Amino acid sequence: MAYFLGIDGGNSKTHALVVDEQGHPSGFCAGGGSDFQEVGLDKAKAVWAETIRGALDQAGLDLEDVTSMCFCLAGADLPEDYQILQKTAKSIAFPAKVTVKNDTIAALRAGLHATSFGVTVVVGTGFNAAGRGKDGQEVILPGLGYLSGDYGGGRWMGRQIIRAVMRAWDGRGPATALRQAVLEVMGVTDELALIRVLRQDGAQNRILNLVPLLFDIASQGDAVAKLLLTCLGEEVGLTAGVIIRRLALEDEAVPVILSTSVYRGKGSLFLTVIRAALQRAAPKAYILIPDFIPVVGAALEALTASGVDGSSGLLTTLRRELAVRYPALLYPQVPDESWVQV
């Protein structure tokens, strides 16, 4: 029996999953963030090694039992990054075959079942996007924040929420129900106290906790929250449309895979805005909300790298057994996804 291992290494977490050539999952491990540009290469390497070892131990396997590993990593942005990461990954995965890709590819592959081509826009801690064409060509944005022209992601959304609250406080912006919700989540009583909290070392990481508030407050009709969500939705649709055009898929029924938990936020506004933007860019494109989380896509990429066909039978086995052994690796199903079709 051949075994394959996928690693999804992001800003806030790292996952490793072992599957065999028939799609049976046998080992999973979760670790901390491993973007080497954030935590340093030595720390990232230690996290990858730890999560790989944890997944293999659970599966009762050794490194020598693994045919192929695919590392889908945040921080794999520029060509020189791949050189560093490929060398480092090989040093901890030997003797397995090693493939290094950007973490957006894990999210993309997690939803690519009905077609071999598609696009994904990842709204996580940061913002990035990728696509794969009918000929296998991959387009991946650098995903370096403002350095590469991006806005979006949890950090960006959290800062926009804070900005809106502060502008309402000093009179430069309209009143918003975000104010009370933010103060409660941050555990303060007024805006001055909020400023003082956010000036503390490391405290700004807490603004990621504000993102669900944006969906909650927007669903209640708050104009400021709705505007922020609309802005982000337009950016997601614009970004997906750009990659679709670069891959010459404008006239294809191309899936746009939206895999992160942000896309399951409360209310329909966000996906409605994205849908409208896609309609303008590629009339046959459609939104796909996958059931696999990205690490499953990384494991499927490891299978593909060794020539294993990810057939519908393999995917059925994988989905069925994940539901029993590792249900956390499956996203909750959206009650009614039919309306998101473009």
Protein backbone atom coordinates (compact mmCIF):
# COMPACT_ATOMS: atom_id res chain seq x y z
CA MET A 1 0.00 0.00 0.00
CA ALA A 2 1.30 3.47 -0.91
CA TYR A 3 0.82 6.42 1.45
CA PHE A 4 0.74 10.13 0.75
CA LEU A 5 0.89 13.16 3.03
CA GLY A 6 -0.40 16.69 2.54
CA ILE A 7 0.67 19.69 4.61
CA ASP A 8 -1.30 22.93 4.73
CA GLY A 9 0.90 25.49 6.47
CA GLY A 10 -0.75 28.84 7.08
CA ASN A 11 -0.38 31.98 9.16
CA SER A 12 -2.42 30.71 12.08
CA LYS A 13 -2.29 26.89 11.83
CA THR A 14 -0.60 23.93 10.18
CA HIS A 15 -2.34 20.67 9.27
CA ALA A 16 -0.91 17.35 8.08
CA LEU A 17 -3.01 14.50 6.69
CA VAL A 18 -2.03 10.97 5.61
CA VAL A 19 -4.08 9.10 3.01
CA ASP A 20 -3.46 5.92 1.04
CA GLU A 21 -3.80 5.32 -2.69
CA GLN A 22 -7.44 4.29 -2.29
CA GLY A 23 -8.42 7.42 -0.36
CA HIS A 24 -8.45 6.01 3.15
CA PRO A 25 -7.29 8.67 5.69
CA SER A 26 -5.20 7.24 8.52
CA GLY A 27 -3.43 10.08 10.32
CA PHE A 28 -3.97 13.76 11.05
CA CYS A 29 -2.18 16.34 13.17
CA ALA A 30 -2.65 20.07 13.77
CA GLY A 31 0.04 22.53 14.77
CA GLY A 32 0.65 26.26 15.03
CA GLY A 33 1.28 28.84 12.33
CA SER A 34 4.20 28.15 9.97
CA ASP A 35 4.49 31.02 7.50
CA PHE A 36 8.27 31.24 7.44
CA GLN A 37 8.12 34.92 6.58
CA GLU A 38 6.22 35.52 9.82
CA VAL A 39 7.79 33.06 12.28
CA GLY A 40 11.21 32.44 10.71
CA LEU A 41 12.44 29.41 8.79
CA ASP A 42 13.68 27.45 11.81
CA LYS A 43 10.35 27.73 13.63
CA ALA A 44 8.39 26.91 10.48
CA LYS A 45 10.56 23.85 9.86
CA ALA A 46 10.01 22.66 13.43
CA VAL A 47 6.22 23.02 13.08
CA TRP A 48 6.17 21.10 9.78
CA ALA A 49 8.29 18.31 11.23
CA GLU A 50 6.13 18.10 14.35
CA THR A 51 2.84 17.92 12.48
CA ILE A 52 4.20 15.39 9.98
CA ARG A 53 5.46 13.22 12.82
CA GLY A 54 2.13 13.50 14.63
CA ALA A 55 0.17 12.44 11.55
CA LEU A 56 2.52 9.54 10.83
CA ASP A 57 2.43 8.34 14.44
CA GLN A 58 -1.35 8.29 14.35
CA ALA A 59 -1.23 6.30 11.12
CA GLY A 60 1.40 3.91 12.53
CA LEU A 61 3.84 4.82 9.77
CA ASP A 62 7.42 6.00 9.35
CA LEU A 63 8.82 8.51 6.87
CA GLU A 64 10.08 5.63 4.74
CA ASP A 65 6.48 4.50 4.20
CA VAL A 66 5.44 7.74 2.50
CA THR A 67 5.65 7.89 -1.29
CA SER A 68 4.96 11.59 -1.78
CA MET A 69 4.41 14.74 0.28
CA CYS A 70 2.94 18.02 -0.88
CA PHE A 71 3.71 21.10 1.20
CA CYS A 72 1.15 23.86 0.50
CA LEU A 73 2.63 26.81 2.36
CA ALA A 74 1.89 30.39 3.17
CA GLY A 75 4.99 32.44 2.40
CA ALA A 76 5.66 30.60 -0.88
CA ASP A 77 5.23 33.78 -2.89
CA LEU A 78 8.33 34.58 -4.99
CA PRO A 79 10.64 32.20 -6.91
CA GLU A 80 13.36 32.55 -4.29
CA ASP A 81 10.87 31.50 -1.61
CA TYR A 82 10.25 28.22 -3.41
CA GLN A 83 13.98 27.52 -3.59
CA ILE A 84 14.32 27.93 0.17
CA LEU A 85 11.18 25.98 0.97
CA GLN A 86 11.88 23.10 -1.41
CA LYS A 87 15.30 22.55 0.14
CA THR A 88 13.93 22.75 3.68
CA ALA A 89 10.96 20.49 2.97
CA LYS A 90 13.20 17.84 1.43
CA SER A 91 15.41 17.86 4.52
CA ILE A 92 12.52 16.79 6.76
CA ALA A 93 10.57 14.60 4.30
CA PHE A 94 13.36 12.37 2.92
CA PRO A 95 13.05 9.88 1.25
CA ALA A 96 9.56 10.86 0.03
CA LYS A 97 9.03 12.78 -3.18
CA VAL A 98 8.44 16.43 -2.23
CA THR A 99 6.32 19.07 -3.94
CA VAL A 100 6.06 22.64 -2.63
CA LYS A 101 3.17 24.89 -3.58
CA ASN A 102 1.51 28.01 -2.27
CA ASP A 103 -1.22 27.32 0.29
CA THR A 104 -3.86 28.65 -2.11
CA ILE A 105 -3.35 25.50 -4.20
CA ALA A 106 -4.54 23.37 -1.26
CA ALA A 107 -7.74 25.42 -1.13
CA LEU A 108 -8.14 25.17 -4.90
CA ARG A 109 -7.65 21.41 -5.05
CA ALA A 110 -10.01 20.86 -2.12
CA GLY A 111 -12.83 21.87 -4.46
CA LEU A 112 -11.62 20.63 -7.86
CA HIS A 113 -13.57 17.42 -8.37
CA ALA A 114 -15.96 17.89 -11.30
CA THR A 115 -13.34 19.70 -13.40
CA SER A 116 -9.55 19.86 -13.62
CA PHE A 117 -9.59 23.66 -13.80
CA GLY A 118 -10.85 26.41 -11.55
CA VAL A 119 -10.09 29.47 -9.45
CA THR A 120 -9.96 30.13 -5.73
CA VAL A 121 -9.82 33.32 -3.69
CA VAL A 122 -8.64 32.77 -0.13
CA VAL A 123 -9.76 35.19 2.56
CA GLY A 124 -7.93 34.03 5.66
CA THR A 125 -5.58 36.01 7.87
CA GLY A 126 -4.42 37.55 4.59
CA PHE A 127 -5.76 37.57 1.05
CA ASN A 128 -4.59 35.56 -1.93
CA ALA A 129 -5.87 33.83 -5.03
CA ALA A 130 -4.89 31.13 -7.50
CA GLY A 131 -6.19 29.34 -10.55
CA ARG A 132 -5.46 26.31 -12.69
CA GLY A 133 -6.24 26.30 -16.42
CA LYS A 134 -7.46 23.53 -18.68
CA ASP A 135 -3.86 22.90 -19.74
CA GLY A 136 -2.67 22.63 -16.14
CA GLN A 137 -1.11 26.12 -16.06
CA GLU A 138 -1.23 27.67 -12.59
CA VAL A 139 -1.58 31.36 -11.81
CA ILE A 140 -0.89 32.37 -8.21
CA LEU A 141 -0.84 35.94 -6.96
CA PRO A 142 2.09 36.96 -4.71
CA GLY A 143 -0.25 37.59 -1.77
CA LEU A 144 2.10 40.02 -0.03
CA GLY A 145 -0.49 42.47 1.21
CA TYR A 146 -0.08 46.08 0.17
CA LEU A 147 3.31 45.22 -1.38
CA SER A 148 1.50 43.29 -4.11
CA GLY A 149 -1.60 45.47 -4.26
CA ASP A 150 -3.84 43.34 -2.06
CA TYR A 151 -6.47 44.26 0.40
CA GLY A 152 -8.77 41.89 2.21
CA GLY A 153 -8.23 39.10 4.72
CA GLY A 154 -8.88 38.93 8.43
CA ARG A 155 -6.29 41.50 9.42
CA TRP A 156 -7.56 43.96 6.85
CA MET A 157 -11.19 43.42 7.83
CA GLY A 158 -10.40 43.79 11.52
CA ARG A 159 -8.61 47.07 10.91
CA GLN A 160 -11.46 48.38 8.78
CA ILE A 161 -13.89 47.56 11.56
CA ILE A 162 -11.74 49.43 14.10
CA ARG A 163 -11.38 52.35 11.72
CA ALA A 164 -15.15 52.55 11.24
CA VAL A 165 -15.77 52.52 14.99
CA MET A 166 -13.18 55.23 15.61
CA ARG A 167 -14.45 57.46 12.82
CA ALA A 168 -17.97 57.19 14.18
CA TRP A 169 -16.61 58.16 17.60
CA ASP A 170 -14.79 61.31 16.45
CA GLY A 171 -17.46 62.38 13.96
CA ARG A 172 -15.67 61.69 10.69
CA GLY A 173 -17.88 58.69 9.94
CA PRO A 174 -21.48 57.59 10.43
CA ALA A 175 -22.73 55.87 13.55
CA THR A 176 -22.57 52.08 13.42
CA ALA A 177 -23.80 49.18 15.50
CA LEU A 178 -20.29 47.77 15.17
CA ARG A 179 -19.28 50.05 18.04
CA GLN A 180 -20.97 48.21 20.88
CA ALA A 181 -20.18 44.81 19.48
CA VAL A 182 -16.48 45.65 19.15
CA LEU A 183 -16.26 47.10 22.67
CA GLU A 184 -17.84 43.95 24.09
CA VAL A 185 -15.56 41.56 22.22
CA MET A 186 -12.47 43.56 23.17
CA GLY A 187 -13.59 43.81 26.80
CA VAL A 188 -13.51 47.61 27.07
CA THR A 189 -16.08 50.30 27.82
CA ASP A 190 -15.16 53.08 25.41
CA GLU A 191 -13.02 54.04 22.44
CA LEU A 192 -10.11 55.43 24.44
CA ALA A 193 -9.83 52.16 26.30
CA LEU A 194 -9.96 50.35 22.97
CA ILE A 195 -7.06 52.43 21.66
CA ARG A 196 -5.04 51.66 24.77
CA VAL A 197 -5.67 47.92 24.40
CA LEU A 198 -4.70 47.90 20.74
CA ARG A 199 -1.45 49.75 21.46
CA GLN A 200 -0.24 46.86 23.61
CA ASP A 201 2.25 44.41 22.12
CA GLY A 202 0.51 41.62 20.25
CA ALA A 203 -2.96 42.95 20.96
CA GLN A 204 -3.72 43.68 17.33
CA ASN A 205 -3.88 39.95 16.67
CA ARG A 206 -7.16 40.08 18.57
CA ILE A 207 -8.77 42.06 15.78
CA LEU A 208 -9.13 38.79 13.88
CA ASN A 209 -11.85 37.95 16.42
CA LEU A 210 -13.88 40.88 15.11
CA VAL A 211 -14.48 39.45 11.64
CA PRO A 212 -17.61 37.41 12.53
CA LEU A 213 -19.12 40.61 13.96
CA LEU A 214 -19.06 42.20 10.54
CA PHE A 215 -21.37 39.52 9.15
CA ASP A 216 -23.65 39.60 12.20
CA ILE A 217 -24.05 43.37 12.18
CA ALA A 218 -24.42 43.55 8.39
CA SER A 219 -27.21 40.94 8.55
CA GLN A 220 -29.03 43.30 10.94
CA GLY A 221 -28.98 46.03 8.28
CA ASP A 222 -26.18 48.27 9.56
CA ALA A 223 -25.09 50.45 6.62
CA VAL A 224 -21.41 50.66 7.61
CA ALA A 225 -21.04 46.90 8.05
CA LYS A 226 -22.84 46.27 4.76
CA LEU A 227 -20.52 48.70 2.97
CA LEU A 228 -17.42 46.95 4.32
CA LEU A 229 -18.72 43.53 3.27
CA THR A 230 -19.68 44.85 -0.14
CA CYS A 231 -16.20 46.27 -0.64
CA LEU A 232 -14.59 42.94 0.22
CA GLY A 233 -17.02 41.00 -1.96
CA GLU A 234 -16.25 43.24 -4.94
CA GLU A 235 -12.53 42.61 -4.41
CA VAL A 236 -13.05 38.85 -4.28
CA GLY A 237 -15.08 38.94 -7.50
CA LEU A 238 -12.62 41.25 -9.23
CA THR A 239 -9.67 39.06 -8.27
CA ALA A 240 -11.37 35.88 -9.43
CA GLY A 241 -12.27 37.57 -12.73
CA VAL A 242 -8.67 38.63 -13.34
CA ILE A 243 -7.38 35.09 -12.88
CA ILE A 244 -10.17 33.70 -15.06
CA ARG A 245 -9.09 36.04 -17.86
CA ARG A 246 -5.41 35.22 -17.43
CA LEU A 247 -6.26 31.54 -17.85
CA ALA A 248 -8.56 32.25 -20.85
CA LEU A 249 -11.56 30.75 -19.06
CA GLU A 250 -14.01 33.62 -19.60
CA ASP A 251 -16.33 31.46 -21.72
CA GLU A 252 -16.06 28.34 -19.57
CA ALA A 253 -18.23 27.02 -16.76
CA VAL A 254 -15.39 27.61 -14.33
CA PRO A 255 -15.83 26.90 -10.60
CA VAL A 256 -14.75 29.68 -8.25
CA ILE A 257 -13.91 27.83 -5.06
CA LEU A 258 -14.54 29.75 -1.85
CA SER A 259 -13.22 27.50 0.86
CA THR A 260 -12.40 29.52 3.96
CA SER A 261 -14.83 29.95 6.85
CA VAL A 262 -15.34 33.63 5.98
CA TYR A 263 -17.53 32.52 3.08
CA ARG A 264 -19.84 30.85 5.56
CA GLY A 265 -20.46 34.08 7.45
CA LYS A 266 -23.98 34.99 8.48
CA GLY A 267 -26.27 36.40 5.80
CA SER A 268 -26.28 36.31 2.01
CA LEU A 269 -24.88 39.76 1.18
CA PHE A 270 -21.25 38.74 0.80
CA LEU A 271 -21.85 35.89 -1.64
CA THR A 272 -24.46 37.92 -3.53
CA VAL A 273 -21.91 40.66 -4.20
CA ILE A 274 -19.31 38.12 -5.30
CA ARG A 275 -21.81 36.44 -7.59
CA ALA A 276 -22.69 39.73 -9.30
CA ALA A 277 -19.01 40.59 -9.84
CA LEU A 278 -18.39 37.14 -11.36
CA GLN A 279 -21.36 37.53 -13.67
CA ARG A 280 -19.73 40.61 -15.16
CA ALA A 281 -16.38 38.87 -15.65
CA ALA A 282 -17.38 35.38 -16.76
CA PRO A 283 -21.09 34.69 -17.31
CA LYS A 284 -20.76 30.89 -16.99
CA ALA A 285 -18.62 30.96 -13.84
CA TYR A 286 -20.18 29.65 -10.67
CA ILE A 287 -19.44 29.73 -6.96
CA LEU A 288 -18.48 26.42 -5.38
CA ILE A 289 -18.48 26.01 -1.61
CA PRO A 290 -16.39 22.84 -1.02
CA ASP A 291 -16.80 20.33 1.77
CA PHE A 292 -13.07 19.52 2.16
CA ILE A 293 -10.85 21.88 4.14
CA PRO A 294 -7.54 22.79 2.42
CA VAL A 295 -5.31 20.10 3.95
CA VAL A 296 -7.38 17.51 2.11
CA GLY A 297 -6.52 19.34 -1.10
CA ALA A 298 -2.84 19.17 -0.16
CA ALA A 299 -3.12 15.40 0.30
CA LEU A 300 -4.83 15.09 -3.09
CA GLU A 301 -1.97 17.08 -4.64
CA ALA A 302 0.50 14.59 -3.12
CA LEU A 303 -1.43 11.77 -4.78
CA THR A 304 -1.43 13.55 -8.13
CA ALA A 305 2.31 14.22 -7.92
CA SER A 306 2.86 10.47 -7.96
CA GLY A 307 0.42 9.81 -10.78
CA VAL A 308 -2.46 8.49 -8.67
CA ASP A 309 -5.82 9.26 -10.25
CA GLY A 310 -8.11 11.13 -7.87
CA SER A 311 -11.20 9.44 -9.28
CA SER A 312 -14.73 9.89 -8.00
CA GLY A 313 -14.44 6.54 -6.22
CA LEU A 314 -11.40 7.69 -4.29
CA LEU A 315 -13.11 10.95 -3.39
CA THR A 316 -16.22 9.12 -2.23
CA THR A 317 -14.13 6.90 0.02
CA LEU A 318 -12.20 9.87 1.36
CA ARG A 319 -15.33 11.91 2.07
CA ARG A 320 -17.10 9.01 3.77
CA GLU A 321 -14.19 8.08 6.02
CA LEU A 322 -13.31 11.66 6.91
CA ALA A 323 -16.87 12.11 8.14
CA VAL A 324 -16.29 9.21 10.56
CA ARG A 325 -12.64 9.61 11.56
CA TYR A 326 -11.88 13.31 11.09
CA PRO A 327 -15.14 15.27 10.77
CA ALA A 328 -13.28 18.52 11.50
CA LEU A 329 -11.66 18.18 8.05
CA LEU A 330 -15.05 18.65 6.42
CA TYR A 331 -16.72 22.06 6.35
CA PRO A 332 -20.30 22.18 7.59
CA GLN A 333 -22.66 22.10 4.65
CA VAL A 334 -24.43 25.29 3.68
CA PRO A 335 -28.18 24.60 4.10
CA ASP A 336 -29.09 25.76 0.57
CA GLU A 337 -26.27 26.37 -1.87
CA SER A 338 -28.40 26.53 -5.00
CA TRP A 339 -28.74 30.30 -4.94
CA VAL A 340 -24.97 30.88 -5.17
CA GLN A 341 -24.83 29.45 -8.68
CA VAL A 342 -24.12 32.14 -11.26
